[in-house]
Amino acid sequence: MSPERRLVFSIGERLGMSAAAVDRMSAREVQGWVDYFSDAGQAGGQVPAPDSAVPLASMSKAALRAAFHK
């Protein structure tokens, strides 16, 4: 199996999705998840809890643009 295929299955496993669902994701979404899990690995393997996320309603428009538009 190629490294790319292994990556698709690895992301699918971590997100609880099938490989086909990961294949339908955009390249930007896949890269975001790869970066997220890579950053977690460098930070001692701890992925932040979902409830520690900043509520989007509390962010300004400028902050939202900065977060979602690169």
N, C-alpha and C. Protein backbone atom coordinates (compact mmCIF):
# COMPACT_ATOMS: atom_id res chain seq x y z
N MET A 1 0.85 -1.17 0.00
CA MET A 1 0.00 0.00 0.00
C MET A 1 0.91 1.24 0.00
N SER A 2 0.53 2.20 -0.80
CA SER A 2 1.33 3.42 -0.93
C SER A 2 1.20 4.28 0.34
N PRO A 3 2.17 5.16 0.58
CA PRO A 3 2.08 6.05 1.75
C PRO A 3 0.82 6.94 1.72
N GLU A 4 0.41 7.34 0.52
CA GLU A 4 -0.79 8.17 0.41
C GLU A 4 -2.03 7.41 0.85
N ARG A 5 -2.15 6.15 0.44
CA ARG A 5 -3.29 5.32 0.83
C ARG A 5 -3.28 5.08 2.33
N ARG A 6 -2.10 4.84 2.90
CA ARG A 6 -2.00 4.64 4.36
C ARG A 6 -2.45 5.89 5.09
N LEU A 7 -2.10 7.05 4.56
CA LEU A 7 -2.51 8.31 5.17
C LEU A 7 -4.03 8.46 5.15
N VAL A 8 -4.66 8.11 4.03
CA VAL A 8 -6.11 8.20 3.92
C VAL A 8 -6.77 7.30 4.96
N PHE A 9 -6.30 6.08 5.10
CA PHE A 9 -6.88 5.16 6.08
C PHE A 9 -6.60 5.61 7.50
N SER A 10 -5.42 6.18 7.74
CA SER A 10 -5.07 6.67 9.08
C SER A 10 -5.97 7.83 9.49
N ILE A 11 -6.19 8.78 8.58
CA ILE A 11 -7.07 9.91 8.87
C ILE A 11 -8.50 9.42 9.10
N GLY A 12 -8.94 8.50 8.25
CA GLY A 12 -10.27 7.94 8.41
C GLY A 12 -10.45 7.26 9.75
N GLU A 13 -9.44 6.53 10.18
CA GLU A 13 -9.52 5.85 11.48
C GLU A 13 -9.63 6.85 12.62
N ARG A 14 -8.81 7.89 12.59
CA ARG A 14 -8.82 8.89 13.67
C ARG A 14 -10.11 9.70 13.70
N LEU A 15 -10.71 9.92 12.53
CA LEU A 15 -11.94 10.71 12.46
C LEU A 15 -13.20 9.87 12.50
N GLY A 16 -13.04 8.54 12.50
CA GLY A 16 -14.20 7.66 12.50
C GLY A 16 -14.95 7.70 11.17
N MET A 17 -14.20 7.87 10.09
CA MET A 17 -14.78 7.96 8.75
C MET A 17 -14.23 6.84 7.88
N SER A 18 -14.92 6.54 6.82
CA SER A 18 -14.40 5.56 5.86
C SER A 18 -13.33 6.22 4.98
N ALA A 19 -12.53 5.40 4.35
CA ALA A 19 -11.52 5.93 3.43
C ALA A 19 -12.19 6.65 2.26
N ALA A 20 -13.36 6.16 1.85
CA ALA A 20 -14.09 6.82 0.75
C ALA A 20 -14.52 8.22 1.16
N ALA A 21 -14.96 8.38 2.41
CA ALA A 21 -15.37 9.71 2.89
C ALA A 21 -14.16 10.65 2.95
N VAL A 22 -13.02 10.12 3.36
CA VAL A 22 -11.80 10.94 3.39
C VAL A 22 -11.40 11.33 1.98
N ASP A 23 -11.56 10.41 1.02
CA ASP A 23 -11.25 10.70 -0.38
C ASP A 23 -12.09 11.85 -0.92
N ARG A 24 -13.32 11.98 -0.43
CA ARG A 24 -14.21 13.05 -0.90
C ARG A 24 -13.87 14.40 -0.26
N MET A 25 -13.03 14.41 0.77
CA MET A 25 -12.66 15.68 1.41
C MET A 25 -11.77 16.47 0.46
N SER A 26 -11.78 17.79 0.62
CA SER A 26 -10.91 18.62 -0.21
C SER A 26 -9.47 18.47 0.28
N ALA A 27 -8.55 18.84 -0.59
CA ALA A 27 -7.13 18.78 -0.22
C ALA A 27 -6.85 19.67 0.98
N ARG A 28 -7.54 20.78 1.06
CA ARG A 28 -7.35 21.70 2.19
C ARG A 28 -7.81 21.07 3.50
N GLU A 29 -8.94 20.36 3.47
CA GLU A 29 -9.43 19.68 4.67
C GLU A 29 -8.45 18.60 5.12
N VAL A 30 -7.99 17.79 4.17
CA VAL A 30 -7.04 16.73 4.50
C VAL A 30 -5.76 17.32 5.07
N GLN A 31 -5.25 18.37 4.45
CA GLN A 31 -4.01 18.99 4.94
C GLN A 31 -4.23 19.56 6.34
N GLY A 32 -5.39 20.11 6.61
CA GLY A 32 -5.69 20.63 7.94
C GLY A 32 -5.65 19.54 8.99
N TRP A 33 -6.25 18.38 8.69
CA TRP A 33 -6.23 17.26 9.65
C TRP A 33 -4.82 16.71 9.81
N VAL A 34 -4.05 16.62 8.73
CA VAL A 34 -2.66 16.15 8.83
C VAL A 34 -1.87 17.09 9.73
N ASP A 35 -2.02 18.40 9.51
CA ASP A 35 -1.32 19.38 10.34
C ASP A 35 -1.77 19.27 11.80
N TYR A 36 -3.06 19.10 12.02
CA TYR A 36 -3.60 19.00 13.37
C TYR A 36 -2.99 17.82 14.11
N PHE A 37 -2.99 16.65 13.47
CA PHE A 37 -2.45 15.48 14.13
C PHE A 37 -0.93 15.54 14.23
N SER A 38 -0.25 16.17 13.28
CA SER A 38 1.20 16.33 13.36
C SER A 38 1.58 17.25 14.51
N ASP A 39 0.84 18.35 14.67
CA ASP A 39 1.10 19.28 15.77
C ASP A 39 0.87 18.60 17.10
N ALA A 40 -0.15 17.74 17.18
CA ALA A 40 -0.45 17.02 18.43
C ALA A 40 0.68 16.06 18.75
N GLY A 41 1.25 15.44 17.71
CA GLY A 41 2.36 14.52 17.93
C GLY A 41 3.60 15.23 18.44
N GLN A 42 3.83 16.45 17.98
CA GLN A 42 4.98 17.21 18.45
C GLN A 42 4.76 17.76 19.85
N ALA A 43 3.50 17.88 20.26
CA ALA A 43 3.18 18.42 21.58
C ALA A 43 3.02 17.31 22.61
N GLY A 44 3.66 16.17 22.39
CA GLY A 44 3.59 15.09 23.35
C GLY A 44 2.46 14.12 23.09
N GLY A 45 1.83 14.19 21.93
CA GLY A 45 0.80 13.24 21.57
C GLY A 45 -0.56 13.53 22.16
N GLN A 46 -0.73 14.68 22.78
CA GLN A 46 -2.02 15.00 23.37
C GLN A 46 -2.81 15.89 22.43
N VAL A 47 -3.96 15.39 22.03
CA VAL A 47 -4.87 16.15 21.18
C VAL A 47 -5.82 16.90 22.10
N PRO A 48 -6.00 18.20 21.91
CA PRO A 48 -6.90 18.95 22.80
C PRO A 48 -8.32 18.38 22.76
N ALA A 49 -8.98 18.45 23.90
CA ALA A 49 -10.36 17.97 23.99
C ALA A 49 -11.26 18.86 23.15
N PRO A 50 -12.27 18.29 22.50
CA PRO A 50 -13.16 19.11 21.66
C PRO A 50 -13.84 20.24 22.43
N ASP A 51 -14.10 20.05 23.73
CA ASP A 51 -14.78 21.10 24.49
C ASP A 51 -13.86 22.27 24.83
N SER A 52 -12.57 22.17 24.50
CA SER A 52 -11.65 23.28 24.77
C SER A 52 -11.57 24.24 23.58
N ALA A 53 -12.37 24.00 22.56
CA ALA A 53 -12.37 24.85 21.38
C ALA A 53 -13.02 26.19 21.69
N VAL A 54 -12.57 27.20 20.98
CA VAL A 54 -13.13 28.54 21.13
C VAL A 54 -14.46 28.59 20.39
N PRO A 55 -15.54 29.03 21.03
CA PRO A 55 -16.82 29.13 20.32
C PRO A 55 -16.73 30.14 19.18
N LEU A 56 -17.18 29.74 18.01
CA LEU A 56 -17.10 30.62 16.85
C LEU A 56 -17.91 31.89 17.04
N ALA A 57 -19.01 31.81 17.78
CA ALA A 57 -19.86 32.99 17.99
C ALA A 57 -19.13 34.08 18.77
N SER A 58 -18.09 33.70 19.52
CA SER A 58 -17.37 34.69 20.32
C SER A 58 -16.23 35.36 19.54
N MET A 59 -15.97 34.88 18.32
CA MET A 59 -14.86 35.43 17.53
C MET A 59 -15.35 36.57 16.65
N SER A 60 -14.47 37.55 16.45
CA SER A 60 -14.80 38.67 15.55
C SER A 60 -14.74 38.20 14.10
N LYS A 61 -15.29 39.00 13.20
CA LYS A 61 -15.25 38.65 11.78
C LYS A 61 -13.81 38.54 11.29
N ALA A 62 -12.96 39.43 11.74
CA ALA A 62 -11.55 39.40 11.33
C ALA A 62 -10.87 38.12 11.80
N ALA A 63 -11.18 37.70 13.04
CA ALA A 63 -10.58 36.47 13.56
C ALA A 63 -11.09 35.25 12.79
N LEU A 64 -12.37 35.25 12.44
CA LEU A 64 -12.92 34.14 11.66
C LEU A 64 -12.28 34.07 10.28
N ARG A 65 -12.12 35.22 9.65
CA ARG A 65 -11.46 35.23 8.33
C ARG A 65 -10.05 34.71 8.43
N ALA A 66 -9.34 35.11 9.45
CA ALA A 66 -7.95 34.67 9.62
C ALA A 66 -7.90 33.17 9.88
N ALA A 67 -8.88 32.62 10.57
CA ALA A 67 -8.88 31.20 10.88
C ALA A 67 -9.23 30.33 9.68
N PHE A 68 -10.11 30.82 8.81
CA PHE A 68 -10.60 29.97 7.73
C PHE A 68 -10.12 30.34 6.35
N HIS A 69 -9.48 31.46 6.18
CA HIS A 69 -9.01 31.88 4.85
C HIS A 69 -7.52 32.11 4.91
N LYS A 70 -6.79 31.24 4.23
CA LYS A 70 -5.33 31.38 4.21
C LYS A 70 -4.88 31.83 2.86
